Amino acid sequence: MSDFKDIIYNCRQATYLIEKRELIKLTFKEQIELRMHLVGCDMCKLYVKQSRKINEMVKQLLKSDMRHTIRLDDDFKNALQTQIDDQLNKN
């Protein structure tokens, strides 16, 4: 039961499961854990909505003719990578 108690208070694990279920089917245990967390966490409920919207937009973009013309410039990529590295190093 300790595992279930942990997920209730663990937004990081919940967001991981939210993203994972977009790619593959969650195990029964993971589905239950995520549902239990979402019952009490408004922030993660909002994250679900935002994540779905972003995924829909990316899928539409990849299907569109614009996919060949949209590119990130190198400065933006480097700044983004720096932010990612900073966040990873905090943990």
PDB file of N, CA and C in Angstrom:
ATOM      1  N   MET A   1       0.819  -1.198   0.000  1.00  0.00           N
ATOM      2  CA  MET A   1       0.000   0.000   0.000  1.00  0.00           C
ATOM      3  C   MET A   1       0.858   1.254   0.000  1.00  0.00           C
ATOM      4  N   SER A   2       2.092   1.133   0.405  1.00  0.00           N
ATOM      5  CA  SER A   2       2.995   2.279   0.436  1.00  0.00           C
ATOM      6  C   SER A   2       3.162   2.883  -0.954  1.00  0.00           C
ATOM      7  N   ASP A   3       3.202   2.034  -1.993  1.00  0.00           N
ATOM      8  CA  ASP A   3       3.329   2.531  -3.357  1.00  0.00           C
ATOM      9  C   ASP A   3       2.177   3.459  -3.706  1.00  0.00           C
ATOM     10  N   PHE A   4       0.964   3.104  -3.307  1.00  0.00           N
ATOM     11  CA  PHE A   4      -0.194   3.935  -3.606  1.00  0.00           C
ATOM     12  C   PHE A   4      -0.125   5.257  -2.851  1.00  0.00           C
ATOM     13  N   LYS A   5       0.331   5.226  -1.627  1.00  0.00           N
ATOM     14  CA  LYS A   5       0.460   6.459  -0.852  1.00  0.00           C
ATOM     15  C   LYS A   5       1.488   7.384  -1.504  1.00  0.00           C
ATOM     16  N   ASP A   6       2.570   6.798  -2.021  1.00  0.00           N
ATOM     17  CA  ASP A   6       3.610   7.595  -2.662  1.00  0.00           C
ATOM     18  C   ASP A   6       3.082   8.324  -3.891  1.00  0.00           C
ATOM     19  N   ILE A   7       2.294   7.655  -4.719  1.00  0.00           N
ATOM     20  CA  ILE A   7       1.812   8.289  -5.947  1.00  0.00           C
ATOM     21  C   ILE A   7       0.829   9.405  -5.647  1.00  0.00           C
ATOM     22  N   ILE A   8       0.100   9.298  -4.571  1.00  0.00           N
ATOM     23  CA  ILE A   8      -0.866  10.340  -4.240  1.00  0.00           C
ATOM     24  C   ILE A   8      -0.166  11.682  -4.078  1.00  0.00           C
ATOM     25  N   TYR A   9       1.032  11.676  -3.540  1.00  0.00           N
ATOM     26  CA  TYR A   9       1.753  12.914  -3.264  1.00  0.00           C
ATOM     27  C   TYR A   9       2.887  13.188  -4.245  1.00  0.00           C
ATOM     28  N   ASN A  10       2.988  12.432  -5.311  1.00  0.00           N
ATOM     29  CA  ASN A  10       4.132  12.532  -6.193  1.00  0.00           C
ATOM     30  C   ASN A  10       3.736  13.007  -7.588  1.00  0.00           C
ATOM     31  N   CYS A  11       3.798  14.300  -7.799  1.00  0.00           N
ATOM     32  CA  CYS A  11       3.438  14.868  -9.101  1.00  0.00           C
ATOM     33  C   CYS A  11       4.442  14.482 -10.181  1.00  0.00           C
ATOM     34  N   ARG A  12       5.683  14.324  -9.826  1.00  0.00           N
ATOM     35  CA  ARG A  12       6.693  13.947 -10.816  1.00  0.00           C
ATOM     36  C   ARG A  12       6.361  12.579 -11.415  1.00  0.00           C
ATOM     37  N   GLN A  13       6.020  11.622 -10.583  1.00  0.00           N
ATOM     38  CA  GLN A  13       5.646  10.291 -11.064  1.00  0.00           C
ATOM     39  C   GLN A  13       4.358  10.367 -11.882  1.00  0.00           C
ATOM     40  N   ALA A  14       3.427  11.183 -11.441  1.00  0.00           N
ATOM     41  CA  ALA A  14       2.159  11.315 -12.162  1.00  0.00           C
ATOM     42  C   ALA A  14       2.381  11.891 -13.555  1.00  0.00           C
ATOM     43  N   THR A  15       3.217  12.923 -13.677  1.00  0.00           N
ATOM     44  CA  THR A  15       3.459  13.497 -14.999  1.00  0.00           C
ATOM     45  C   THR A  15       4.196  12.503 -15.894  1.00  0.00           C
ATOM     46  N   TYR A  16       5.067  11.700 -15.298  1.00  0.00           N
ATOM     47  CA  TYR A  16       5.733  10.644 -16.062  1.00  0.00           C
ATOM     48  C   TYR A  16       4.697   9.673 -16.629  1.00  0.00           C
ATOM     49  N   LEU A  17       3.748   9.268 -15.793  1.00  0.00           N
ATOM     50  CA  LEU A  17       2.716   8.330 -16.243  1.00  0.00           C
ATOM     51  C   LEU A  17       1.800   8.964 -17.283  1.00  0.00           C
ATOM     52  N   ILE A  18       1.520  10.249 -17.127  1.00  0.00           N
ATOM     53  CA  ILE A  18       0.687  10.962 -18.100  1.00  0.00           C
ATOM     54  C   ILE A  18       1.344  10.920 -19.473  1.00  0.00           C
ATOM     55  N   GLU A  19       2.634  11.207 -19.517  1.00  0.00           N
ATOM     56  CA  GLU A  19       3.347  11.188 -20.798  1.00  0.00           C
ATOM     57  C   GLU A  19       3.522   9.756 -21.313  1.00  0.00           C
ATOM     58  N   LYS A  20       3.776   8.834 -20.417  1.00  0.00           N
ATOM     59  CA  LYS A  20       3.966   7.433 -20.818  1.00  0.00           C
ATOM     60  C   LYS A  20       2.720   6.884 -21.492  1.00  0.00           C
ATOM     61  N   ARG A  21       1.552   7.233 -20.968  1.00  0.00           N
ATOM     62  CA  ARG A  21       0.329   6.658 -21.536  1.00  0.00           C
ATOM     63  C   ARG A  21       0.025   7.210 -22.927  1.00  0.00           C
ATOM     64  N   GLU A  22       0.680   8.291 -23.317  1.00  0.00           N
ATOM     65  CA  GLU A  22       0.545   8.775 -24.696  1.00  0.00           C
ATOM     66  C   GLU A  22       1.312   7.876 -25.665  1.00  0.00           C
ATOM     67  N   LEU A  23       2.304   7.168 -25.149  1.00  0.00           N
ATOM     68  CA  LEU A  23       3.158   6.344 -26.001  1.00  0.00           C
ATOM     69  C   LEU A  23       2.803   4.864 -25.961  1.00  0.00           C
ATOM     70  N   ILE A  24       2.533   4.369 -24.755  1.00  0.00           N
ATOM     71  CA  ILE A  24       2.211   2.950 -24.595  1.00  0.00           C
ATOM     72  C   ILE A  24       1.120   2.792 -23.541  1.00  0.00           C
ATOM     73  N   LYS A  25       0.541   1.616 -23.515  1.00  0.00           N
ATOM     74  CA  LYS A  25      -0.508   1.334 -22.540  1.00  0.00           C
ATOM     75  C   LYS A  25       0.107   1.169 -21.157  1.00  0.00           C
ATOM     76  N   LEU A  26      -0.488   1.844 -20.180  1.00  0.00           N
ATOM     77  CA  LEU A  26      -0.035   1.713 -18.801  1.00  0.00           C
ATOM     78  C   LEU A  26      -0.465   0.368 -18.235  1.00  0.00           C
ATOM     79  N   THR A  27       0.302  -0.125 -17.288  1.00  0.00           N
ATOM     80  CA  THR A  27      -0.110  -1.333 -16.585  1.00  0.00           C
ATOM     81  C   THR A  27      -1.339  -0.995 -15.742  1.00  0.00           C
ATOM     82  N   PHE A  28      -2.033  -2.016 -15.305  1.00  0.00           N
ATOM     83  CA  PHE A  28      -3.212  -1.798 -14.465  1.00  0.00           C
ATOM     84  C   PHE A  28      -2.838  -1.018 -13.210  1.00  0.00           C
ATOM     85  N   LYS A  29      -1.735  -1.390 -12.590  1.00  0.00           N
ATOM     86  CA  LYS A  29      -1.268  -0.704 -11.379  1.00  0.00           C
ATOM     87  C   LYS A  29      -0.991   0.773 -11.666  1.00  0.00           C
ATOM     88  N   GLU A  30      -0.325   1.056 -12.787  1.00  0.00           N
ATOM     89  CA  GLU A  30      -0.022   2.447 -13.145  1.00  0.00           C
ATOM     90  C   GLU A  30      -1.299   3.241 -13.387  1.00  0.00           C
ATOM     91  N   GLN A  31      -2.277   2.613 -14.046  1.00  0.00           N
ATOM     92  CA  GLN A  31      -3.552   3.297 -14.286  1.00  0.00           C
ATOM     93  C   GLN A  31      -4.225   3.677 -12.975  1.00  0.00           C
ATOM     94  N   ILE A  32      -4.236   2.753 -12.032  1.00  0.00           N
ATOM     95  CA  ILE A  32      -4.858   3.011 -10.727  1.00  0.00           C
ATOM     96  C   ILE A  32      -4.102   4.112  -9.991  1.00  0.00           C
ATOM     97  N   GLU A  33      -2.771   4.028  -9.993  1.00  0.00           N
ATOM     98  CA  GLU A  33      -1.960   5.042  -9.319  1.00  0.00           C
ATOM     99  C   GLU A  33      -2.228   6.427  -9.889  1.00  0.00           C
ATOM    100  N   LEU A  34      -2.273   6.514 -11.210  1.00  0.00           N
ATOM    101  CA  LEU A  34      -2.497   7.809 -11.846  1.00  0.00           C
ATOM    102  C   LEU A  34      -3.889   8.338 -11.527  1.00  0.00           C
ATOM    103  N   ARG A  35      -4.882   7.488 -11.609  1.00  0.00           N
ATOM    104  CA  ARG A  35      -6.249   7.928 -11.282  1.00  0.00           C
ATOM    105  C   ARG A  35      -6.342   8.426  -9.848  1.00  0.00           C
ATOM    106  N   MET A  36      -5.707   7.701  -8.934  1.00  0.00           N
ATOM    107  CA  MET A  36      -5.738   8.115  -7.530  1.00  0.00           C
ATOM    108  C   MET A  36      -5.091   9.490  -7.357  1.00  0.00           C
ATOM    109  N   HIS A  37      -4.002   9.713  -8.055  1.00  0.00           N
ATOM    110  CA  HIS A  37      -3.318  11.001  -7.940  1.00  0.00           C
ATOM    111  C   HIS A  37      -4.174  12.121  -8.531  1.00  0.00           C
ATOM    112  N   LEU A  38      -4.743  11.866  -9.691  1.00  0.00           N
ATOM    113  CA  LEU A  38      -5.511  12.907 -10.376  1.00  0.00           C
ATOM    114  C   LEU A  38      -6.769  13.304  -9.617  1.00  0.00           C
ATOM    115  N   VAL A  39      -7.300  12.403  -8.806  1.00  0.00           N
ATOM    116  CA  VAL A  39      -8.481  12.733  -8.003  1.00  0.00           C
ATOM    117  C   VAL A  39      -8.198  13.931  -7.105  1.00  0.00           C
ATOM    118  N   GLY A  40      -6.983  14.001  -6.573  1.00  0.00           N
ATOM    119  CA  GLY A  40      -6.696  15.053  -5.609  1.00  0.00           C
ATOM    120  C   GLY A  40      -5.738  16.130  -6.062  1.00  0.00           C
ATOM    121  N   CYS A  41      -5.310  16.115  -7.313  1.00  0.00           N
ATOM    122  CA  CYS A  41      -4.296  17.078  -7.748  1.00  0.00           C
ATOM    123  C   CYS A  41      -4.776  17.878  -8.957  1.00  0.00           C
ATOM    124  N   ASP A  42      -5.207  19.095  -8.704  1.00  0.00           N
ATOM    125  CA  ASP A  42      -5.687  19.958  -9.782  1.00  0.00           C
ATOM    126  C   ASP A  42      -4.567  20.350 -10.744  1.00  0.00           C
ATOM    127  N   MET A  43      -3.350  20.486 -10.235  1.00  0.00           N
ATOM    128  CA  MET A  43      -2.232  20.863 -11.108  1.00  0.00           C
ATOM    129  C   MET A  43      -1.954  19.770 -12.142  1.00  0.00           C
ATOM    130  N   CYS A  44      -2.009  18.533 -11.721  1.00  0.00           N
ATOM    131  CA  CYS A  44      -1.761  17.442 -12.661  1.00  0.00           C
ATOM    132  C   CYS A  44      -2.938  17.261 -13.624  1.00  0.00           C
ATOM    133  N   LYS A  45      -4.145  17.573 -13.176  1.00  0.00           N
ATOM    134  CA  LYS A  45      -5.296  17.550 -14.091  1.00  0.00           C
ATOM    135  C   LYS A  45      -5.089  18.578 -15.196  1.00  0.00           C
ATOM    136  N   LEU A  46      -4.604  19.754 -14.822  1.00  0.00           N
ATOM    137  CA  LEU A  46      -4.304  20.789 -15.810  1.00  0.00           C
ATOM    138  C   LEU A  46      -3.184  20.316 -16.732  1.00  0.00           C
ATOM    139  N   TYR A  47      -2.186  19.667 -16.172  1.00  0.00           N
ATOM    140  CA  TYR A  47      -1.081  19.132 -16.966  1.00  0.00           C
ATOM    141  C   TYR A  47      -1.593  18.138 -18.009  1.00  0.00           C
ATOM    142  N   VAL A  48      -2.552  17.305 -17.634  1.00  0.00           N
ATOM    143  CA  VAL A  48      -3.136  16.344 -18.579  1.00  0.00           C
ATOM    144  C   VAL A  48      -3.730  17.085 -19.770  1.00  0.00           C
ATOM    145  N   LYS A  49      -4.512  18.118 -19.494  1.00  0.00           N
ATOM    146  CA  LYS A  49      -5.152  18.884 -20.571  1.00  0.00           C
ATOM    147  C   LYS A  49      -4.111  19.548 -21.464  1.00  0.00           C
ATOM    148  N   GLN A  50      -3.104  20.164 -20.847  1.00  0.00           N
ATOM    149  CA  GLN A  50      -2.069  20.844 -21.620  1.00  0.00           C
ATOM    150  C   GLN A  50      -1.263  19.853 -22.450  1.00  0.00           C
ATOM    151  N   SER A  51      -0.936  18.727 -21.866  1.00  0.00           N
ATOM    152  CA  SER A  51      -0.155  17.717 -22.563  1.00  0.00           C
ATOM    153  C   SER A  51      -0.915  17.175 -23.772  1.00  0.00           C
ATOM    154  N   ARG A  52      -2.194  16.906 -23.590  1.00  0.00           N
ATOM    155  CA  ARG A  52      -3.012  16.416 -24.711  1.00  0.00           C
ATOM    156  C   ARG A  52      -3.055  17.442 -25.840  1.00  0.00           C
ATOM    157  N   LYS A  53      -3.238  18.705 -25.471  1.00  0.00           N
ATOM    158  CA  LYS A  53      -3.320  19.766 -26.477  1.00  0.00           C
ATOM    159  C   LYS A  53      -2.000  19.886 -27.239  1.00  0.00           C
ATOM    160  N   ILE A  54      -0.894  19.864 -26.509  1.00  0.00           N
ATOM    161  CA  ILE A  54       0.417  19.948 -27.159  1.00  0.00           C
ATOM    162  C   ILE A  54       0.625  18.759 -28.084  1.00  0.00           C
ATOM    163  N   ASN A  55       0.296  17.565 -27.632  1.00  0.00           N
ATOM    164  CA  ASN A  55       0.453  16.371 -28.469  1.00  0.00           C
ATOM    165  C   ASN A  55      -0.400  16.449 -29.728  1.00  0.00           C
ATOM    166  N   GLU A  56      -1.632  16.935 -29.595  1.00  0.00           N
ATOM    167  CA  GLU A  56      -2.498  17.101 -30.767  1.00  0.00           C
ATOM    168  C   GLU A  56      -1.886  18.087 -31.754  1.00  0.00           C
ATOM    169  N   MET A  57      -1.384  19.202 -31.239  1.00  0.00           N
ATOM    170  CA  MET A  57      -0.807  20.226 -32.109  1.00  0.00           C
ATOM    171  C   MET A  57       0.437  19.706 -32.829  1.00  0.00           C
ATOM    172  N   VAL A  58       1.271  18.969 -32.129  1.00  0.00           N
ATOM    173  CA  VAL A  58       2.475  18.412 -32.747  1.00  0.00           C
ATOM    174  C   VAL A  58       2.098  17.401 -33.827  1.00  0.00           C
ATOM    175  N   LYS A  59       1.124  16.549 -33.545  1.00  0.00           N
ATOM    176  CA  LYS A  59       0.684  15.572 -34.544  1.00  0.00           C
ATOM    177  C   LYS A  59       0.142  16.268 -35.788  1.00  0.00           C
ATOM    178  N   GLN A  60      -0.645  17.324 -35.585  1.00  0.00           N
ATOM    179  CA  GLN A  60      -1.174  18.078 -36.721  1.00  0.00           C
ATOM    180  C   GLN A  60      -0.047  18.725 -37.517  1.00  0.00           C
ATOM    181  N   LEU A  61       0.920  19.276 -36.802  1.00  0.00           N
ATOM    182  CA  LEU A  61       2.048  19.916 -37.467  1.00  0.00           C
ATOM    183  C   LEU A  61       2.840  18.909 -38.292  1.00  0.00           C
ATOM    184  N   LEU A  62       3.052  17.738 -37.742  1.00  0.00           N
ATOM    185  CA  LEU A  62       3.819  16.721 -38.457  1.00  0.00           C
ATOM    186  C   LEU A  62       3.083  16.199 -39.686  1.00  0.00           C
ATOM    187  N   LYS A  63       1.767  16.298 -39.682  1.00  0.00           N
ATOM    188  CA  LYS A  63       0.982  15.865 -40.837  1.00  0.00           C
ATOM    189  C   LYS A  63       0.855  16.968 -41.884  1.00  0.00           C
ATOM    190  N   SER A  64       1.145  18.199 -41.506  1.00  0.00           N
ATOM    191  CA  SER A  64       0.931  19.327 -42.411  1.00  0.00           C
ATOM    192  C   SER A  64       2.111  19.503 -43.366  1.00  0.00           C
ATOM    193  N   ASP A  65       1.895  20.340 -44.368  1.00  0.00           N
ATOM    194  CA  ASP A  65       2.950  20.655 -45.326  1.00  0.00           C
ATOM    195  C   ASP A  65       4.020  21.552 -44.717  1.00  0.00           C
ATOM    196  N   MET A  66       3.720  22.214 -43.618  1.00  0.00           N
ATOM    197  CA  MET A  66       4.668  23.126 -42.987  1.00  0.00           C
ATOM    198  C   MET A  66       5.800  22.398 -42.266  1.00  0.00           C
ATOM    199  N   ARG A  67       5.683  21.109 -42.096  1.00  0.00           N
ATOM    200  CA  ARG A  67       6.698  20.379 -41.319  1.00  0.00           C
ATOM    201  C   ARG A  67       8.090  20.512 -41.928  1.00  0.00           C
ATOM    202  N   HIS A  68       8.166  20.798 -43.220  1.00  0.00           N
ATOM    203  CA  HIS A  68       9.462  20.930 -43.886  1.00  0.00           C
ATOM    204  C   HIS A  68      10.040  22.335 -43.755  1.00  0.00           C
ATOM    205  N   THR A  69       9.212  23.302 -43.383  1.00  0.00           N
ATOM    206  CA  THR A  69       9.691  24.685 -43.340  1.00  0.00           C
ATOM    207  C   THR A  69       9.941  25.206 -41.931  1.00  0.00           C
ATOM    208  N   ILE A  70       9.404  24.556 -40.931  1.00  0.00           N
ATOM    209  CA  ILE A  70       9.556  25.037 -39.560  1.00  0.00           C
ATOM    210  C   ILE A  70      10.832  24.459 -38.958  1.00  0.00           C
ATOM    211  N   ARG A  71      11.705  25.355 -38.521  1.00  0.00           N
ATOM    212  CA  ARG A  71      12.973  24.948 -37.918  1.00  0.00           C
ATOM    213  C   ARG A  71      13.283  25.867 -36.735  1.00  0.00           C
ATOM    214  N   LEU A  72      13.929  25.313 -35.731  1.00  0.00           N
ATOM    215  CA  LEU A  72      14.407  26.113 -34.610  1.00  0.00           C
ATOM    216  C   LEU A  72      15.819  26.586 -34.933  1.00  0.00           C
ATOM    217  N   ASP A  73      16.091  27.870 -34.633  1.00  0.00           N
ATOM    218  CA  ASP A  73      17.450  28.341 -34.900  1.00  0.00           C
ATOM    219  C   ASP A  73      18.405  27.817 -33.823  1.00  0.00           C
ATOM    220  N   ASP A  74      19.677  27.841 -34.135  1.00  0.00           N
ATOM    221  CA  ASP A  74      20.680  27.248 -33.245  1.00  0.00           C
ATOM    222  C   ASP A  74      20.746  27.944 -31.890  1.00  0.00           C
ATOM    223  N   ASP A  75      20.575  29.267 -31.853  1.00  0.00           N
ATOM    224  CA  ASP A  75      20.605  29.987 -30.575  1.00  0.00           C
ATOM    225  C   ASP A  75      19.479  29.512 -29.660  1.00  0.00           C
ATOM    226  N   PHE A  76      18.298  29.336 -30.226  1.00  0.00           N
ATOM    227  CA  PHE A  76      17.167  28.859 -29.427  1.00  0.00           C
ATOM    228  C   PHE A  76      17.427  27.447 -28.919  1.00  0.00           C
ATOM    229  N   LYS A  77      17.945  26.596 -29.785  1.00  0.00           N
ATOM    230  CA  LYS A  77      18.242  25.214 -29.390  1.00  0.00           C
ATOM    231  C   LYS A  77      19.252  25.182 -28.241  1.00  0.00           C
ATOM    232  N   ASN A  78      20.293  26.005 -28.352  1.00  0.00           N
ATOM    233  CA  ASN A  78      21.316  26.037 -27.307  1.00  0.00           C
ATOM    234  C   ASN A  78      20.753  26.558 -25.991  1.00  0.00           C
ATOM    235  N   ALA A  79      19.927  27.598 -26.050  1.00  0.00           N
ATOM    236  CA  ALA A  79      19.316  28.147 -24.836  1.00  0.00           C
ATOM    237  C   ALA A  79      18.393  27.120 -24.192  1.00  0.00           C
ATOM    238  N   LEU A  80      17.637  26.425 -25.005  1.00  0.00           N
ATOM    239  CA  LEU A  80      16.733  25.397 -24.497  1.00  0.00           C
ATOM    240  C   LEU A  80      17.517  24.252 -23.859  1.00  0.00           C
ATOM    241  N   GLN A  81      18.589  23.833 -24.509  1.00  0.00           N
ATOM    242  CA  GLN A  81      19.414  22.759 -23.957  1.00  0.00           C
ATOM    243  C   GLN A  81      20.029  23.172 -22.624  1.00  0.00           C
ATOM    244  N   THR A  82      20.441  24.425 -22.517  1.00  0.00           N
ATOM    245  CA  THR A  82      20.999  24.935 -21.262  1.00  0.00           C
ATOM    246  C   THR A  82      19.958  24.876 -20.151  1.00  0.00           C
ATOM    247  N   GLN A  83      18.737  25.279 -20.459  1.00  0.00           N
ATOM    248  CA  GLN A  83      17.664  25.225 -19.461  1.00  0.00           C
ATOM    249  C   GLN A  83      17.379  23.784 -19.033  1.00  0.00           C
ATOM    250  N   ILE A  84      17.361  22.880 -19.977  1.00  0.00           N
ATOM    251  CA  ILE A  84      17.124  21.467 -19.666  1.00  0.00           C
ATOM    252  C   ILE A  84      18.237  20.935 -18.772  1.00  0.00           C
ATOM    253  N   ASP A  85      19.476  21.231 -19.143  1.00  0.00           N
ATOM    254  CA  ASP A  85      20.614  20.770 -18.342  1.00  0.00           C
ATOM    255  C   ASP A  85      20.563  21.338 -16.931  1.00  0.00           C
ATOM    256  N   ASP A  86      20.226  22.618 -16.809  1.00  0.00           N
ATOM    257  CA  ASP A  86      20.119  23.249 -15.487  1.00  0.00           C
ATOM    258  C   ASP A  86      19.075  22.550 -14.629  1.00  0.00           C
ATOM    259  N   GLN A  87      17.933  22.251 -15.218  1.00  0.00           N
ATOM    260  CA  GLN A  87      16.871  21.581 -14.470  1.00  0.00           C
ATOM    261  C   GLN A  87      17.280  20.166 -14.067  1.00  0.00           C
ATOM    262  N   LEU A  88      17.941  19.463 -14.959  1.00  0.00           N
ATOM    263  CA  LEU A  88      18.382  18.104 -14.649  1.00  0.00           C
ATOM    264  C   LEU A  88      19.437  18.102 -13.547  1.00  0.00           C
ATOM    265  N   ASN A  89      20.291  19.106 -13.552  1.00  0.00           N
ATOM    266  CA  ASN A  89      21.339  19.185 -12.534  1.00  0.00           C
ATOM    267  C   ASN A  89      20.798  19.568 -11.166  1.00  0.00           C
ATOM    268  N   LYS A  90      19.638  20.211 -11.117  1.00  0.00           N
ATOM    269  CA  LYS A  90      19.014  20.558  -9.840  1.00  0.00           C
ATOM    270  C   LYS A  90      18.567  19.309  -9.100  1.00  0.00           C
ATOM    271  N   ASN A  91      18.187  18.309  -9.866  1.00  0.00           N
ATOM    272  CA  ASN A  91      17.634  17.092  -9.261  1.00  0.00           C
ATOM    273  C   ASN A  91      18.745  16.142  -9.076  1.00  0.00           C
TER     274      ASN A  91
END
